Protein backbone atom coordinates (compact mmCIF):
# COMPACT_ATOMS: atom_id res chain seq x y z
CA MET A 1 99.77 88.91 109.14
CA ALA A 2 98.00 85.28 108.66
CA ARG A 3 94.65 86.33 107.90
CA LYS A 4 92.06 88.54 105.13
CA LEU A 5 92.68 91.84 105.26
CA ARG A 6 89.74 93.98 106.72
CA MET A 7 88.44 96.55 103.84
CA GLY A 8 86.58 99.57 104.24
CA MET A 9 85.17 101.95 101.62
CA ILE A 10 83.81 105.41 101.48
CA GLY A 11 81.75 106.27 98.69
CA GLY A 12 80.28 103.12 96.19
CA GLY A 13 76.37 103.63 97.86
CA PRO A 14 73.41 102.91 95.38
CA GLY A 15 74.06 103.47 91.76
CA SER A 16 78.06 103.45 91.97
CA PHE A 17 79.69 101.64 89.22
CA ILE A 18 83.16 101.84 90.57
CA GLY A 19 82.45 100.86 94.18
CA ARG A 20 81.14 97.45 93.20
CA ILE A 21 84.39 97.11 91.06
CA HIS A 22 86.67 97.97 93.97
CA ARG A 23 84.93 95.27 96.43
CA ILE A 24 85.05 92.62 93.49
CA ALA A 25 88.51 93.13 92.75
CA ALA A 26 89.71 93.44 96.40
CA GLU A 27 88.00 90.12 97.44
CA LEU A 28 88.83 88.03 94.42
CA ASP A 29 91.59 86.46 95.61
CA GLY A 30 90.64 85.95 99.28
CA GLU A 31 93.04 88.12 100.49
CA ALA A 32 90.10 90.70 101.70
CA GLN A 33 86.86 91.28 102.53
CA LEU A 34 84.52 94.27 102.88
CA VAL A 35 83.67 94.66 106.51
CA CYS A 36 82.50 98.32 107.10
CA GLY A 37 81.86 101.45 105.16
CA ALA A 38 80.71 105.19 105.22
CA PHE A 39 78.63 104.10 101.60
CA SER A 40 76.62 107.59 100.91
CA SER A 41 76.61 110.55 102.81
CA ASP A 42 72.51 109.93 103.41
CA ALA A 43 72.60 107.90 106.20
CA GLY A 44 69.87 105.57 105.20
CA ARG A 45 71.31 105.08 101.56
CA SER A 46 74.59 104.02 103.59
CA ARG A 47 73.05 101.57 105.37
CA ASP A 48 70.87 99.92 102.56
CA ALA A 49 74.58 99.45 100.34
CA GLY A 50 75.70 98.07 103.65
CA GLU A 51 73.29 95.47 103.72
CA ALA A 52 73.81 94.83 99.79
CA TYR A 53 77.21 94.07 100.50
CA HIS A 54 76.51 92.15 103.76
CA VAL A 55 78.30 94.30 105.86
CA ASP A 56 77.29 94.30 109.53
CA PRO A 57 74.36 97.06 110.01
CA SER A 58 76.56 98.83 112.88
CA ARG A 59 79.52 98.94 111.01
CA ALA A 60 77.86 100.93 107.94
CA TYR A 61 78.13 104.57 109.02
CA ALA A 62 76.56 107.77 108.15
CA SER A 63 79.74 109.46 107.42
CA PHE A 64 83.16 108.98 106.71
CA THR A 65 83.87 110.80 109.72
CA GLU A 66 82.44 108.26 112.01
CA MET A 67 83.77 105.56 110.17
CA LEU A 68 87.14 106.77 110.90
CA GLU A 69 86.27 107.29 114.19
CA ARG A 70 84.46 104.46 115.38
CA GLU A 71 87.10 102.11 113.63
CA LYS A 72 90.00 103.61 115.34
CA ALA A 73 88.33 103.04 118.57
CA LEU A 74 88.03 99.06 117.51
CA PRO A 75 90.52 96.49 119.13
CA SER A 76 93.08 96.17 116.75
CA ASP A 77 92.14 92.46 115.84
CA GLN A 78 88.52 93.99 114.63
CA ARG A 79 88.96 97.23 113.24
CA MET A 80 89.65 97.46 109.03
CA ASP A 81 93.08 97.86 107.78
CA PHE A 82 92.69 99.75 104.92
CA VAL A 83 90.06 101.77 103.20
CA ALA A 84 89.24 102.46 99.55
CA ILE A 85 87.72 105.75 98.17
CA VAL A 86 84.85 105.41 95.32
CA THR A 87 83.74 109.19 95.66
CA PRO A 88 83.74 112.03 92.99
CA ASN A 89 87.01 113.64 92.70
CA HIS A 90 86.38 116.46 95.49
CA LEU A 91 85.69 113.83 98.30
CA HIS A 92 89.32 112.45 97.61
CA TYR A 93 91.46 114.47 99.62
CA GLU A 94 89.64 114.83 102.93
CA PRO A 95 88.70 111.28 103.58
CA ALA A 96 92.36 110.01 102.05
CA ARG A 97 94.32 112.58 104.78
CA ARG A 98 91.97 111.90 107.79
CA ALA A 99 92.55 107.82 107.11
CA LEU A 100 96.57 107.96 106.69
CA GLU A 101 96.95 110.60 109.94
CA SER A 102 94.47 107.73 111.60
CA GLY A 103 96.60 105.02 110.72
CA PHE A 104 94.84 103.14 107.83
CA HIS A 105 96.07 102.65 104.52
CA VAL A 106 94.07 104.10 101.44
CA VAL A 107 93.29 102.73 98.34
CA VAL A 108 91.71 105.99 96.18
CA ASP A 109 90.71 105.91 92.58
CA LYS A 110 92.04 108.03 90.07
CA PRO A 111 92.49 110.93 89.49
CA MET A 112 93.88 110.76 92.98
CA CYS A 113 92.02 114.08 94.23
CA PHE A 114 90.90 117.17 92.81
CA SER A 115 94.12 119.19 92.61
CA LEU A 116 97.50 119.11 91.96
CA GLN A 117 97.91 120.94 95.74
CA GLU A 118 96.02 118.37 97.16
CA ALA A 119 98.12 115.24 95.73
CA GLN A 120 101.64 117.22 96.89
CA ALA A 121 99.79 117.46 100.29
CA LEU A 122 98.85 113.86 99.97
CA GLN A 123 102.54 112.71 99.25
CA GLU A 124 103.77 114.79 102.77
CA ILE A 125 100.94 112.83 104.67
CA VAL A 126 102.06 109.57 103.25
CA ALA A 127 106.09 110.41 104.05
CA SER A 128 104.88 111.56 107.42
CA THR A 129 102.53 108.68 108.62
CA GLY A 130 104.59 105.53 107.00
CA ARG A 131 101.40 104.51 105.53
CA ILE A 132 100.69 102.99 102.09
CA LEU A 133 98.62 104.88 99.18
CA GLY A 134 97.99 102.97 96.38
CA VAL A 135 95.95 104.28 93.09
CA THR A 136 94.00 102.55 90.55
CA TYR A 137 95.61 103.05 87.47
CA THR A 138 93.73 99.96 86.24
CA TYR A 139 95.44 99.58 82.85
CA SER A 140 98.74 98.47 84.34
CA GLY A 141 97.35 95.48 86.12
CA TYR A 142 96.48 93.15 82.70
CA PRO A 143 99.55 91.00 82.47
CA MET A 144 100.07 91.32 78.54
CA VAL A 145 100.91 95.21 79.81
CA LYS A 146 103.40 94.10 82.31
CA GLU A 147 104.90 91.58 79.29
CA ALA A 148 104.89 94.82 77.37
CA ARG A 149 106.99 96.72 80.22
CA ALA A 150 109.47 93.77 80.32
CA LEU A 151 110.05 93.32 76.96
CA VAL A 152 110.94 97.34 76.71
CA ALA A 153 113.19 97.07 79.83
CA ALA A 154 114.71 93.86 78.14
CA GLY A 155 115.77 96.00 75.36
CA ARG A 156 113.63 93.65 72.79
CA ILE A 157 112.35 96.49 70.27
CA GLY A 158 115.76 98.70 70.89
CA ILE A 159 115.89 102.15 71.96
CA VAL A 160 112.10 103.47 72.23
CA ARG A 161 111.46 106.18 69.66
CA LYS A 162 108.24 106.39 69.14
CA ILE A 163 104.70 106.02 71.12
CA TYR A 164 100.90 106.33 70.33
CA VAL A 165 98.34 106.19 73.14
CA GLU A 166 94.87 106.59 72.12
CA TYR A 167 91.68 106.40 74.30
CA PRO A 168 88.63 106.87 72.63
CA GLN A 169 85.39 106.84 74.08
CA GLY A 170 81.61 108.09 72.96
CA TRP A 171 79.23 108.16 76.17
CA LEU A 172 79.27 112.09 76.55
CA SER A 173 78.57 112.40 72.74
CA THR A 174 75.68 113.47 73.69
CA ALA A 175 74.58 116.22 77.03
CA VAL A 176 73.65 112.88 78.81
CA GLU A 177 74.91 115.15 82.00
CA ARG A 178 71.77 116.79 81.90
CA GLU A 179 69.16 114.02 81.49
CA GLY A 180 70.02 112.50 84.95
CA GLN A 181 73.13 110.46 84.10
CA LYS A 182 74.66 110.23 87.14
CA GLN A 183 78.11 109.66 86.33
CA ALA A 184 78.24 112.28 83.91
CA ALA A 185 77.08 114.69 86.09
CA TRP A 186 80.01 115.34 88.49
CA ARG A 187 82.58 114.14 85.59
CA THR A 188 81.65 117.20 83.52
CA ASP A 189 80.96 119.37 86.85
CA PRO A 190 84.11 121.47 87.41
CA THR A 191 83.13 121.76 91.14
CA ARG A 192 83.11 117.95 91.65
CA SER A 193 85.79 116.60 88.89
CA GLY A 194 88.37 119.28 89.18
CA ALA A 195 89.87 121.22 86.51
CA GLY A 196 89.94 117.78 84.13
CA GLY A 197 87.02 116.42 82.44
CA ALA A 198 88.39 113.84 79.28
CA ILE A 199 91.94 114.38 80.12
CA GLY A 200 91.23 113.71 83.62
CA ASP A 201 89.17 110.72 83.46
CA ILE A 202 90.97 108.82 80.60
CA GLY A 203 94.14 110.82 79.73
CA THR A 204 95.59 110.55 82.81
CA HIS A 205 95.03 106.27 82.15
CA ALA A 206 96.91 106.99 78.80
CA ALA A 207 99.74 109.02 80.43
CA HIS A 208 100.52 106.32 83.04
CA LEU A 209 100.31 103.52 80.73
CA ALA A 210 102.69 105.14 78.16
CA GLU A 211 104.96 106.13 81.07
CA TYR A 212 104.49 102.58 82.78
CA VAL A 213 105.40 100.28 79.63
CA SER A 214 107.95 102.33 78.30
CA GLY A 215 109.92 103.00 81.89
CA LEU A 216 110.12 106.79 80.58
CA ARG A 217 108.77 109.72 81.66
CA ILE A 218 106.56 112.68 79.94
CA THR A 219 109.01 115.80 79.70
CA ALA A 220 107.22 118.15 77.52
CA ILE A 221 103.27 118.83 76.47
CA ASN A 222 101.72 120.09 73.29
CA ALA A 223 97.65 119.99 74.21
CA VAL A 224 95.04 121.05 72.60
CA LEU A 225 91.91 120.52 74.29
CA ASN A 226 87.86 120.69 72.78
CA THR A 227 84.63 121.00 74.50
CA PHE A 228 81.95 119.91 71.83
CA LEU A 229 79.43 120.15 73.37
CA PRO A 230 77.59 123.41 74.02
CA GLY A 231 77.45 124.53 77.92
CA ARG A 232 79.45 122.02 78.79
CA GLN A 233 82.47 123.57 81.58
CA LEU A 234 85.08 120.77 80.96
CA ASP A 235 86.73 119.16 77.90
CA ASP A 236 85.40 116.36 76.65
CA ASP A 237 88.15 115.75 74.10
CA SER A 238 92.06 116.24 73.82
CA SER A 239 94.82 115.68 71.53
CA MET A 240 98.45 115.95 72.59
CA LEU A 241 102.32 115.75 71.25
CA LEU A 242 104.61 114.28 73.74
CA ARG A 243 108.07 114.53 74.29
CA PHE A 244 109.69 111.69 76.28
CA GLU A 245 113.14 112.07 78.46
CA ASN A 246 115.33 109.69 75.81
CA GLY A 247 114.08 111.90 73.40
CA ALA A 248 110.91 109.74 71.95
CA SER A 249 108.72 111.55 70.76
CA GLY A 250 104.58 110.50 71.26
CA THR A 251 100.87 111.36 70.51
CA LEU A 252 98.49 111.26 73.25
CA VAL A 253 94.33 111.25 72.34
CA ALA A 254 91.95 110.96 75.16
CA THR A 255 88.04 111.41 74.01
CA GLN A 256 84.80 111.26 75.24
CA VAL A 257 82.78 112.18 72.00
CA ALA A 258 84.22 109.34 69.70
CA ALA A 259 80.88 108.45 68.94
CA GLY A 260 79.90 104.49 68.61
CA GLU A 261 83.33 103.65 70.69
CA GLU A 262 83.35 101.91 74.03
CA ASN A 263 87.05 101.81 76.10
CA ASN A 264 88.79 101.26 72.99
CA LEU A 265 91.78 101.68 74.54
CA ARG A 266 95.46 101.31 72.62
CA LEU A 267 99.09 101.81 72.91
CA ARG A 268 101.97 101.17 70.53
CA VAL A 269 105.46 101.78 71.69
CA TYR A 270 108.18 101.39 68.65
CA GLY A 271 111.83 101.30 68.75
CA ASP A 272 115.13 101.29 66.81
CA GLU A 273 114.64 97.27 66.15
CA GLY A 274 110.49 96.58 66.59
CA GLY A 275 107.73 97.50 68.29
CA LEU A 276 104.44 96.77 70.55
CA ASP A 277 100.76 96.71 69.93
CA TRP A 278 98.61 96.24 72.51
CA GLN A 279 94.74 97.08 72.80
CA GLN A 280 92.11 96.63 75.86
CA SER A 281 89.53 95.48 73.47
CA GLU A 282 91.83 92.21 73.15
CA PRO A 283 93.69 92.46 76.34
CA ASN A 284 95.34 88.71 76.26
CA SER A 285 97.67 89.39 73.31
CA LEU A 286 100.39 91.70 72.79
CA LEU A 287 101.53 92.38 69.37
CA LEU A 288 105.43 92.24 69.10
CA ARG A 289 107.28 93.75 65.82
CA SER A 290 110.69 93.14 64.48
CA LEU A 291 112.59 94.79 61.76
CA ASP A 292 113.82 91.44 59.67
CA ALA A 293 111.27 88.60 61.43
CA PRO A 294 107.50 88.04 61.13
CA THR A 295 105.42 89.70 63.36
CA GLN A 296 105.02 87.55 66.79
CA LEU A 297 101.78 87.24 68.37
CA LEU A 298 101.81 86.94 72.30
CA ARG A 299 99.32 85.33 74.23
CA ALA A 300 98.71 85.96 78.19
CA GLY A 301 99.27 82.36 80.22
CA TRP A 302 102.02 80.88 78.37
CA GLY A 303 105.41 79.88 79.79
CA TYR A 304 107.30 81.97 77.53
CA LEU A 305 106.11 85.32 78.97
CA SER A 306 108.24 87.34 81.68
CA GLU A 307 107.71 86.50 85.50
CA ALA A 308 105.13 89.70 85.75
CA ALA A 309 103.21 88.48 83.30
CA ALA A 310 103.31 84.92 84.58
CA ALA A 311 102.32 86.29 88.17
CA ASN A 312 99.50 88.68 87.45
CA SER A 313 97.87 85.57 85.53
CA ARG A 314 95.10 83.45 87.04
CA THR A 315 94.29 81.18 84.58
CA PRO A 316 95.96 78.98 81.40
CA PRO A 317 96.11 80.16 78.05
CA GLY A 318 92.57 80.42 76.47
CA HIS A 319 90.69 81.74 79.20
CA PRO A 320 89.54 85.10 78.92
CA GLU A 321 91.06 87.39 82.09
CA GLY A 322 89.63 91.19 81.58
CA TYR A 323 89.10 93.71 83.53
CA LEU A 324 88.37 92.91 87.01
CA GLU A 325 90.99 91.06 87.11
CA ALA A 326 93.27 93.85 85.96
CA PHE A 327 91.82 95.94 88.93
CA ALA A 328 92.56 93.16 91.27
CA ASN A 329 96.35 93.02 90.33
CA ILE A 330 96.90 96.49 91.63
CA TYR A 331 95.19 95.44 95.08
CA ALA A 332 97.42 92.12 95.32
CA GLY A 333 100.31 94.81 94.85
CA PHE A 334 99.25 96.57 97.18
CA PHE A 335 98.28 94.15 99.82
CA LYS A 336 101.65 92.09 99.48
CA ALA A 337 103.12 95.59 100.90
CA VAL A 338 100.82 95.99 103.52
CA ARG A 339 101.61 92.60 104.95
CA ASP A 340 105.03 92.85 104.25
CA LEU A 341 105.30 96.74 105.88
CA ALA A 342 103.25 94.79 108.97
CA SER A 343 106.86 93.11 109.42
CA ASP A 344 108.92 95.48 108.68
CA PRO A 345 108.79 98.81 108.73
CA ASN A 346 111.63 99.13 106.79
CA VAL A 347 110.42 97.60 103.77
CA ASP A 348 111.45 99.27 100.53
CA MET A 349 108.02 100.13 98.86
CA GLY A 350 110.03 100.48 95.58
CA ARG A 351 109.94 97.24 95.08
CA TYR A 352 106.37 96.48 94.73
CA ASP A 353 104.19 96.47 91.24
CA PHE A 354 101.42 98.90 91.84
CA PRO A 355 100.45 102.36 91.07
CA ASP A 356 101.18 104.60 94.88
CA VAL A 357 101.27 108.39 95.78
CA ASP A 358 104.02 109.50 93.74
CA ASP A 359 101.88 108.29 90.42
CA GLY A 360 98.84 109.61 91.62
CA ALA A 361 100.42 113.27 92.00
CA ARG A 362 102.03 112.65 88.43
CA GLY A 363 98.72 112.05 87.04
CA MET A 364 97.41 115.10 89.00
CA ALA A 365 100.67 116.95 87.56
CA PHE A 366 99.84 116.05 84.30
CA ILE A 367 96.27 117.65 84.38
CA ASP A 368 97.44 120.65 85.57
CA THR A 369 100.53 120.61 82.11
CA VAL A 370 97.63 119.66 80.22
CA ILE A 371 95.52 122.73 80.85
CA ARG A 372 98.52 124.98 80.85
CA SER A 373 99.46 123.84 77.60
CA ALA A 374 96.38 124.25 75.72
CA GLN A 375 96.27 127.69 77.08
CA SER A 376 99.53 128.62 76.40
CA ASP A 377 100.66 130.12 72.95
CA LYS A 378 104.04 128.43 73.25
CA LYS A 379 104.64 125.02 71.48
CA TRP A 380 105.95 122.81 73.89
CA THR A 381 104.90 123.27 77.59
CA ALA A 382 107.59 121.80 80.37
CA PHE A 383 106.60 118.69 82.63
CA ALA A 384 108.42 118.37 85.47
């Protein structure tokens, strides 16, 4: 497939933050181009967004159903190849289902959908259609996160014993959802966000990061959920103990009421021979600690890094790469799989390094398990 992939978008209309991010990330490496979209449920706003994205006016559709029907009817050398779904959570499943069943690949923002039941249904649809579904657990795209994963896999810190992951934000410290803040309004509304507030929005990111770097699955959770703002319907704060499959223990904190914090995601992983420390506020750096040697500062872009880290770096050392590039790395892995599948229908999807439908379903299972744990009087709730 020696051409750019043709991208469609559902959502991402006027005022959307994440729609612009998806478009920039998908186009960053010149591998794809946005050609169509149903950018809003309002036809006029969808046309306005299409104009802002420089999309042919005839392909700025009034609804996702119209988009899928008309794109499917186009000749194969014109129709879109995949669609990015960047709507609120309750509008993920049906567009994803319809797109997959129409023969299109899908990228969906996290959490993958509204409920665990929808996630499990999407797993079945992906299996039956043979299409690819990617989920934007963005932080796994950072080069030094991939370096941390490679170091753990290579045994550089020994057997993992302890994992700390924390994601404090402060933007919901006041009731901004009642003041016209669009992003806050749907994220705090259980009819649009789903059962999880902070745990769905950022807790799933933290859990995915912990499992991705450590290579270990969480097997049990002991969680506390809080809602500090009176009248708010979903959790805005969470703390939990984690148990991992090899017996390692961990803690996860995801809060959106840590006043003054921005997106201060941090992961620390300790083994019996050393530890790793990564923070999104300084994403090009990774601390490697040892029992009997000075702490090393590893930096993105250098030749001493792993193949995975090098493959996900675009600039020489000292040139900052950040959120957009990490997002683009997720897309790059997705694009590689799409291109390979076009020439080999039997390609092994396990060889690609991007979050897929199974990761998305695990994120939904995480939300479900945390809520059950918080409601239980038992110490541990199993996480399969």
